[in-house]
ModelCIF file with pLDDT and N, C-alpha, C, O atoms, coordinates in Angstrom:
data_MODEL
#
_entry.id   MODEL 
#
_entity.id                         1 
_entity.type                       polymer 
_entity.pdbx_number_of_molecules   1 
#
_entity_poly.entity_id                      1 
_entity_poly.type                           'polypeptide(L)' 
_entity_poly.nstd_linkage                   no 
_entity_poly.nstd_monomer                   no 
_entity_poly.pdbx_seq_one_letter_code       
;(UNK)(UNK)(UNK)(UNK)(UNK)(UNK)(UNK)(UNK)(UNK)(UNK)(UNK)(UNK)(UNK)(UNK)(UNK)(UNK)
(UNK)(UNK)(UNK)(UNK)(UNK)(UNK)(UNK)(UNK)(UNK)(UNK)(UNK)(UNK)(UNK)(UNK)(UNK)(UNK)
;
_entity_poly.pdbx_seq_one_letter_code_can   XXXXXXXXXXXXXXXXXXXXXXXXXXXXXXXX 
_entity_poly.pdbx_strand_id                 A 
#
loop_
_entity_poly_seq.entity_id 
_entity_poly_seq.num 
_entity_poly_seq.mon_id 
_entity_poly_seq.hetero 
1 1  UNK n 
1 2  UNK n 
1 3  UNK n 
1 4  UNK n 
1 5  UNK n 
1 6  UNK n 
1 7  UNK n 
1 8  UNK n 
1 9  UNK n 
1 10 UNK n 
1 11 UNK n 
1 12 UNK n 
1 13 UNK n 
1 14 UNK n 
1 15 UNK n 
1 16 UNK n 
1 17 UNK n 
1 18 UNK n 
1 19 UNK n 
1 20 UNK n 
1 21 UNK n 
1 22 UNK n 
1 23 UNK n 
1 24 UNK n 
1 25 UNK n 
1 26 UNK n 
1 27 UNK n 
1 28 UNK n 
1 29 UNK n 
1 30 UNK n 
1 31 UNK n 
1 32 UNK n 
#
_struct_asym.id          A 
_struct_asym.entity_id   1 
#
loop_
_ma_qa_metric.id 
_ma_qa_metric.mode 
_ma_qa_metric.name 
_ma_qa_metric.software_group_id 
_ma_qa_metric.type 
1 global pLDDT . pLDDT 
2 local  pLDDT . pLDDT 
#
_ma_qa_metric_global.metric_id      1 
_ma_qa_metric_global.metric_value   80.97 
_ma_qa_metric_global.model_id       1 
_ma_qa_metric_global.ordinal_id     1 
#
loop_
_ma_qa_metric_local.label_asym_id 
_ma_qa_metric_local.label_comp_id 
_ma_qa_metric_local.label_seq_id 
_ma_qa_metric_local.metric_id 
_ma_qa_metric_local.metric_value 
_ma_qa_metric_local.model_id 
_ma_qa_metric_local.ordinal_id 
A UNK 1  2 94.00 1 1  
A UNK 2  2 92.00 1 2  
A UNK 3  2 92.00 1 3  
A UNK 4  2 88.00 1 4  
A UNK 5  2 87.00 1 5  
A UNK 6  2 84.00 1 6  
A UNK 7  2 83.00 1 7  
A UNK 8  2 81.00 1 8  
A UNK 9  2 82.00 1 9  
A UNK 10 2 82.00 1 10 
A UNK 11 2 82.00 1 11 
A UNK 12 2 81.00 1 12 
A UNK 13 2 76.00 1 13 
A UNK 14 2 74.00 1 14 
A UNK 15 2 71.00 1 15 
A UNK 16 2 72.00 1 16 
A UNK 17 2 69.00 1 17 
A UNK 18 2 78.00 1 18 
A UNK 19 2 78.00 1 19 
A UNK 20 2 81.00 1 20 
A UNK 21 2 81.00 1 21 
A UNK 22 2 83.00 1 22 
A UNK 23 2 84.00 1 23 
A UNK 24 2 80.00 1 24 
A UNK 25 2 75.00 1 25 
A UNK 26 2 77.00 1 26 
A UNK 27 2 82.00 1 27 
A UNK 28 2 82.00 1 28 
A UNK 29 2 81.00 1 29 
A UNK 30 2 82.00 1 30 
A UNK 31 2 78.00 1 31 
A UNK 32 2 79.00 1 32 
#
loop_
_atom_site.group_PDB 
_atom_site.id 
_atom_site.type_symbol 
_atom_site.label_atom_id 
_atom_site.label_alt_id 
_atom_site.label_comp_id 
_atom_site.label_asym_id 
_atom_site.label_entity_id 
_atom_site.label_seq_id 
_atom_site.pdbx_PDB_ins_code 
_atom_site.Cartn_x 
_atom_site.Cartn_y 
_atom_site.Cartn_z 
_atom_site.occupancy 
_atom_site.B_iso_or_equiv 
_atom_site.pdbx_formal_charge 
_atom_site.auth_seq_id 
_atom_site.auth_comp_id 
_atom_site.auth_asym_id 
_atom_site.auth_atom_id 
_atom_site.pdbx_PDB_model_num 
ATOM 1   N N  . UNK A 1 1  ? -26.227 12.161 7.345   1.00 94.00 ? 1  UNK A N  1 
ATOM 2   C CA . UNK A 1 1  ? -26.905 12.826 6.275   1.00 94.00 ? 1  UNK A CA 1 
ATOM 3   C C  . UNK A 1 1  ? -27.133 12.710 5.161   1.00 94.00 ? 1  UNK A C  1 
ATOM 4   O O  . UNK A 1 1  ? -28.289 12.438 4.840   1.00 94.00 ? 1  UNK A O  1 
ATOM 5   N N  . UNK A 1 2  ? -25.966 12.898 4.000   1.00 92.00 ? 2  UNK A N  1 
ATOM 6   C CA . UNK A 1 2  ? -25.633 12.502 3.249   1.00 92.00 ? 2  UNK A CA 1 
ATOM 7   C C  . UNK A 1 2  ? -24.488 12.043 2.460   1.00 92.00 ? 2  UNK A C  1 
ATOM 8   O O  . UNK A 1 2  ? -23.345 12.270 2.858   1.00 92.00 ? 2  UNK A O  1 
ATOM 9   N N  . UNK A 1 3  ? -24.777 11.245 1.076   1.00 92.00 ? 3  UNK A N  1 
ATOM 10  C CA . UNK A 1 3  ? -23.730 10.629 1.242   1.00 92.00 ? 3  UNK A CA 1 
ATOM 11  C C  . UNK A 1 3  ? -22.723 10.551 -0.418  1.00 92.00 ? 3  UNK A C  1 
ATOM 12  O O  . UNK A 1 3  ? -23.484 10.536 -1.386  1.00 92.00 ? 3  UNK A O  1 
ATOM 13  N N  . UNK A 1 4  ? -21.798 10.522 -0.649  1.00 88.00 ? 4  UNK A N  1 
ATOM 14  C CA . UNK A 1 4  ? -21.260 10.200 -2.271  1.00 88.00 ? 4  UNK A CA 1 
ATOM 15  C C  . UNK A 1 4  ? -19.988 9.127  -2.522  1.00 88.00 ? 4  UNK A C  1 
ATOM 16  O O  . UNK A 1 4  ? -19.060 8.858  -1.759  1.00 88.00 ? 4  UNK A O  1 
ATOM 17  N N  . UNK A 1 5  ? -20.232 8.698  -3.643  1.00 87.00 ? 5  UNK A N  1 
ATOM 18  C CA . UNK A 1 5  ? -18.979 7.880  -3.317  1.00 87.00 ? 5  UNK A CA 1 
ATOM 19  C C  . UNK A 1 5  ? -18.907 8.092  -5.499  1.00 87.00 ? 5  UNK A C  1 
ATOM 20  O O  . UNK A 1 5  ? -19.885 8.234  -6.233  1.00 87.00 ? 5  UNK A O  1 
ATOM 21  N N  . UNK A 1 6  ? -17.058 8.012  -6.022  1.00 84.00 ? 6  UNK A N  1 
ATOM 22  C CA . UNK A 1 6  ? -16.726 8.208  -6.613  1.00 84.00 ? 6  UNK A CA 1 
ATOM 23  C C  . UNK A 1 6  ? -15.804 6.996  -7.021  1.00 84.00 ? 6  UNK A C  1 
ATOM 24  O O  . UNK A 1 6  ? -15.714 6.051  -6.237  1.00 84.00 ? 6  UNK A O  1 
ATOM 25  N N  . UNK A 1 7  ? -15.138 6.985  -8.176  1.00 83.00 ? 7  UNK A N  1 
ATOM 26  C CA . UNK A 1 7  ? -13.824 5.847  -8.662  1.00 83.00 ? 7  UNK A CA 1 
ATOM 27  C C  . UNK A 1 7  ? -13.225 5.947  -10.236 1.00 83.00 ? 7  UNK A C  1 
ATOM 28  O O  . UNK A 1 7  ? -13.541 6.775  -11.091 1.00 83.00 ? 7  UNK A O  1 
ATOM 29  N N  . UNK A 1 8  ? -12.826 5.490  -10.280 1.00 81.00 ? 8  UNK A N  1 
ATOM 30  C CA . UNK A 1 8  ? -11.275 5.624  -11.079 1.00 81.00 ? 8  UNK A CA 1 
ATOM 31  C C  . UNK A 1 8  ? -11.053 4.332  -11.674 1.00 81.00 ? 8  UNK A C  1 
ATOM 32  O O  . UNK A 1 8  ? -10.276 3.494  -11.217 1.00 81.00 ? 8  UNK A O  1 
ATOM 33  N N  . UNK A 1 9  ? -11.764 4.195  -12.713 1.00 82.00 ? 9  UNK A N  1 
ATOM 34  C CA . UNK A 1 9  ? -12.041 2.676  -13.828 1.00 82.00 ? 9  UNK A CA 1 
ATOM 35  C C  . UNK A 1 9  ? -10.560 2.251  -13.997 1.00 82.00 ? 9  UNK A C  1 
ATOM 36  O O  . UNK A 1 9  ? -9.936  1.351  -13.436 1.00 82.00 ? 9  UNK A O  1 
ATOM 37  N N  . UNK A 1 10 ? -10.026 3.509  -15.297 1.00 82.00 ? 10 UNK A N  1 
ATOM 38  C CA . UNK A 1 10 ? -9.035  3.543  -16.059 1.00 82.00 ? 10 UNK A CA 1 
ATOM 39  C C  . UNK A 1 10 ? -7.841  4.640  -15.157 1.00 82.00 ? 10 UNK A C  1 
ATOM 40  O O  . UNK A 1 10 ? -7.924  5.758  -14.650 1.00 82.00 ? 10 UNK A O  1 
ATOM 41  N N  . UNK A 1 11 ? -6.708  3.563  -15.312 1.00 82.00 ? 11 UNK A N  1 
ATOM 42  C CA . UNK A 1 11 ? -5.219  4.148  -14.159 1.00 82.00 ? 11 UNK A CA 1 
ATOM 43  C C  . UNK A 1 11 ? -5.277  5.344  -14.854 1.00 82.00 ? 11 UNK A C  1 
ATOM 44  O O  . UNK A 1 11 ? -5.625  5.470  -16.028 1.00 82.00 ? 11 UNK A O  1 
ATOM 45  N N  . UNK A 1 12 ? -4.858  6.390  -13.945 1.00 81.00 ? 12 UNK A N  1 
ATOM 46  C CA . UNK A 1 12 ? -4.630  7.847  -13.480 1.00 81.00 ? 12 UNK A CA 1 
ATOM 47  C C  . UNK A 1 12 ? -3.868  7.875  -12.240 1.00 81.00 ? 12 UNK A C  1 
ATOM 48  O O  . UNK A 1 12 ? -3.911  7.035  -11.341 1.00 81.00 ? 12 UNK A O  1 
ATOM 49  N N  . UNK A 1 13 ? -2.909  9.324  -12.310 1.00 76.00 ? 13 UNK A N  1 
ATOM 50  C CA . UNK A 1 13 ? -1.948  10.242 -11.070 1.00 76.00 ? 13 UNK A CA 1 
ATOM 51  C C  . UNK A 1 13 ? -2.926  11.230 -10.565 1.00 76.00 ? 13 UNK A C  1 
ATOM 52  O O  . UNK A 1 13 ? -2.737  12.093 -9.708  1.00 76.00 ? 13 UNK A O  1 
ATOM 53  N N  . UNK A 1 14 ? -3.782  11.020 -11.094 1.00 74.00 ? 14 UNK A N  1 
ATOM 54  C CA . UNK A 1 14 ? -4.309  12.267 -9.968  1.00 74.00 ? 14 UNK A CA 1 
ATOM 55  C C  . UNK A 1 14 ? -5.692  11.720 -9.317  1.00 74.00 ? 14 UNK A C  1 
ATOM 56  O O  . UNK A 1 14 ? -5.999  10.821 -10.100 1.00 74.00 ? 14 UNK A O  1 
ATOM 57  N N  . UNK A 1 15 ? -6.805  11.772 -8.204  1.00 71.00 ? 15 UNK A N  1 
ATOM 58  C CA . UNK A 1 15 ? -7.400  11.176 -7.944  1.00 71.00 ? 15 UNK A CA 1 
ATOM 59  C C  . UNK A 1 15 ? -8.272  12.308 -6.949  1.00 71.00 ? 15 UNK A C  1 
ATOM 60  O O  . UNK A 1 15 ? -7.743  12.714 -5.914  1.00 71.00 ? 15 UNK A O  1 
ATOM 61  N N  . UNK A 1 16 ? -9.558  12.743 -7.330  1.00 72.00 ? 16 UNK A N  1 
ATOM 62  C CA . UNK A 1 16 ? -10.401 13.534 -6.354  1.00 72.00 ? 16 UNK A CA 1 
ATOM 63  C C  . UNK A 1 16 ? -11.811 12.618 -6.008  1.00 72.00 ? 16 UNK A C  1 
ATOM 64  O O  . UNK A 1 16 ? -11.880 11.627 -6.735  1.00 72.00 ? 16 UNK A O  1 
ATOM 65  N N  . UNK A 1 17 ? -12.822 12.740 -5.149  1.00 69.00 ? 17 UNK A N  1 
ATOM 66  C CA . UNK A 1 17 ? -13.579 12.412 -4.693  1.00 69.00 ? 17 UNK A CA 1 
ATOM 67  C C  . UNK A 1 17 ? -14.775 12.870 -4.872  1.00 69.00 ? 17 UNK A C  1 
ATOM 68  O O  . UNK A 1 17 ? -14.898 13.794 -5.676  1.00 69.00 ? 17 UNK A O  1 
ATOM 69  N N  . UNK A 1 18 ? -15.489 12.562 -4.456  1.00 78.00 ? 18 UNK A N  1 
ATOM 70  C CA . UNK A 1 18 ? -17.371 13.619 -4.982  1.00 78.00 ? 18 UNK A CA 1 
ATOM 71  C C  . UNK A 1 18 ? -17.134 14.632 -3.321  1.00 78.00 ? 18 UNK A C  1 
ATOM 72  O O  . UNK A 1 18 ? -16.532 14.617 -2.248  1.00 78.00 ? 18 UNK A O  1 
ATOM 73  N N  . UNK A 1 19 ? -17.998 15.326 -4.048  1.00 78.00 ? 19 UNK A N  1 
ATOM 74  C CA . UNK A 1 19 ? -18.385 16.780 -2.868  1.00 78.00 ? 19 UNK A CA 1 
ATOM 75  C C  . UNK A 1 19 ? -19.579 16.321 -2.594  1.00 78.00 ? 19 UNK A C  1 
ATOM 76  O O  . UNK A 1 19 ? -20.120 15.463 -3.291  1.00 78.00 ? 19 UNK A O  1 
ATOM 77  N N  . UNK A 1 20 ? -20.105 16.834 -1.567  1.00 81.00 ? 20 UNK A N  1 
ATOM 78  C CA . UNK A 1 20 ? -21.339 16.260 -0.924  1.00 81.00 ? 20 UNK A CA 1 
ATOM 79  C C  . UNK A 1 20 ? -21.204 17.939 0.559   1.00 81.00 ? 20 UNK A C  1 
ATOM 80  O O  . UNK A 1 20 ? -20.264 18.407 1.201   1.00 81.00 ? 20 UNK A O  1 
ATOM 81  N N  . UNK A 1 21 ? -23.052 18.350 0.441   1.00 81.00 ? 21 UNK A N  1 
ATOM 82  C CA . UNK A 1 21 ? -23.185 19.222 0.973   1.00 81.00 ? 21 UNK A CA 1 
ATOM 83  C C  . UNK A 1 21 ? -24.232 18.701 2.023   1.00 81.00 ? 21 UNK A C  1 
ATOM 84  O O  . UNK A 1 21 ? -25.411 18.365 1.909   1.00 81.00 ? 21 UNK A O  1 
ATOM 85  N N  . UNK A 1 22 ? -23.083 18.775 3.435   1.00 83.00 ? 22 UNK A N  1 
ATOM 86  C CA . UNK A 1 22 ? -24.187 18.525 4.911   1.00 83.00 ? 22 UNK A CA 1 
ATOM 87  C C  . UNK A 1 22 ? -25.202 19.661 4.984   1.00 83.00 ? 22 UNK A C  1 
ATOM 88  O O  . UNK A 1 22 ? -24.992 20.870 4.884   1.00 83.00 ? 22 UNK A O  1 
ATOM 89  N N  . UNK A 1 23 ? -26.716 18.799 5.243   1.00 84.00 ? 23 UNK A N  1 
ATOM 90  C CA . UNK A 1 23 ? -27.705 19.938 5.419   1.00 84.00 ? 23 UNK A CA 1 
ATOM 91  C C  . UNK A 1 23 ? -27.707 20.533 6.773   1.00 84.00 ? 23 UNK A C  1 
ATOM 92  O O  . UNK A 1 23 ? -28.463 21.471 7.026   1.00 84.00 ? 23 UNK A O  1 
ATOM 93  N N  . UNK A 1 24 ? -26.727 19.932 7.850   1.00 80.00 ? 24 UNK A N  1 
ATOM 94  C CA . UNK A 1 24 ? -26.815 20.800 8.888   1.00 80.00 ? 24 UNK A CA 1 
ATOM 95  C C  . UNK A 1 24 ? -25.603 21.289 9.464   1.00 80.00 ? 24 UNK A C  1 
ATOM 96  O O  . UNK A 1 24 ? -24.637 20.528 9.423   1.00 80.00 ? 24 UNK A O  1 
ATOM 97  N N  . UNK A 1 25 ? -25.427 22.725 10.142  1.00 75.00 ? 25 UNK A N  1 
ATOM 98  C CA . UNK A 1 25 ? -23.755 22.841 10.739  1.00 75.00 ? 25 UNK A CA 1 
ATOM 99  C C  . UNK A 1 25 ? -23.886 22.053 11.386  1.00 75.00 ? 25 UNK A C  1 
ATOM 100 O O  . UNK A 1 25 ? -24.848 21.476 11.894  1.00 75.00 ? 25 UNK A O  1 
ATOM 101 N N  . UNK A 1 26 ? -21.764 21.896 11.433  1.00 77.00 ? 26 UNK A N  1 
ATOM 102 C CA . UNK A 1 26 ? -21.530 20.965 12.815  1.00 77.00 ? 26 UNK A CA 1 
ATOM 103 C C  . UNK A 1 26 ? -21.718 19.937 12.319  1.00 77.00 ? 26 UNK A C  1 
ATOM 104 O O  . UNK A 1 26 ? -22.411 19.210 13.030  1.00 77.00 ? 26 UNK A O  1 
ATOM 105 N N  . UNK A 1 27 ? -21.324 19.370 11.100  1.00 82.00 ? 27 UNK A N  1 
ATOM 106 C CA . UNK A 1 27 ? -21.840 17.741 10.998  1.00 82.00 ? 27 UNK A CA 1 
ATOM 107 C C  . UNK A 1 27 ? -20.039 17.158 10.279  1.00 82.00 ? 27 UNK A C  1 
ATOM 108 O O  . UNK A 1 27 ? -19.168 17.676 9.580   1.00 82.00 ? 27 UNK A O  1 
ATOM 109 N N  . UNK A 1 28 ? -20.194 16.164 10.799  1.00 82.00 ? 28 UNK A N  1 
ATOM 110 C CA . UNK A 1 28 ? -18.713 15.909 10.703  1.00 82.00 ? 28 UNK A CA 1 
ATOM 111 C C  . UNK A 1 28 ? -18.851 15.255 9.153   1.00 82.00 ? 28 UNK A C  1 
ATOM 112 O O  . UNK A 1 28 ? -19.779 14.510 8.842   1.00 82.00 ? 28 UNK A O  1 
ATOM 113 N N  . UNK A 1 29 ? -17.761 15.663 8.225   1.00 81.00 ? 29 UNK A N  1 
ATOM 114 C CA . UNK A 1 29 ? -17.621 14.542 6.757   1.00 81.00 ? 29 UNK A CA 1 
ATOM 115 C C  . UNK A 1 29 ? -16.375 13.335 6.890   1.00 81.00 ? 29 UNK A C  1 
ATOM 116 O O  . UNK A 1 29 ? -15.159 13.516 6.950   1.00 81.00 ? 29 UNK A O  1 
ATOM 117 N N  . UNK A 1 30 ? -17.096 12.135 6.912   1.00 82.00 ? 30 UNK A N  1 
ATOM 118 C CA . UNK A 1 30 ? -15.836 11.371 6.791   1.00 82.00 ? 30 UNK A CA 1 
ATOM 119 C C  . UNK A 1 30 ? -15.568 10.558 5.181   1.00 82.00 ? 30 UNK A C  1 
ATOM 120 O O  . UNK A 1 30 ? -16.378 9.963  4.471   1.00 82.00 ? 30 UNK A O  1 
ATOM 121 N N  . UNK A 1 31 ? -14.637 10.728 5.056   1.00 78.00 ? 31 UNK A N  1 
ATOM 122 C CA . UNK A 1 31 ? -14.253 9.294  4.123   1.00 78.00 ? 31 UNK A CA 1 
ATOM 123 C C  . UNK A 1 31 ? -13.664 8.469  3.524   1.00 78.00 ? 31 UNK A C  1 
ATOM 124 O O  . UNK A 1 31 ? -12.666 8.384  4.240   1.00 78.00 ? 31 UNK A O  1 
ATOM 125 N N  . UNK A 1 32 ? -13.516 7.798  2.761   1.00 79.00 ? 32 UNK A N  1 
ATOM 126 C CA . UNK A 1 32 ? -12.626 5.779  3.054   1.00 79.00 ? 32 UNK A CA 1 
ATOM 127 C C  . UNK A 1 32 ? -12.337 6.211  1.659   1.00 79.00 ? 32 UNK A C  1 
ATOM 128 O O  . UNK A 1 32 ? -11.702 5.476  0.904   1.00 79.00 ? 32 UNK A O  1 
#
C-alpha cells in the first residue's frame, strides 16, 4: 500500500519515524 521513511543525520536523543495513512481498513503496518 503506502510507504514512508525518515532519518536523523545529526546525533539526537529522541527519534520518531514518518507517519503513513493506509488506504484501506485492516492493513498491517510494519516498520524497520
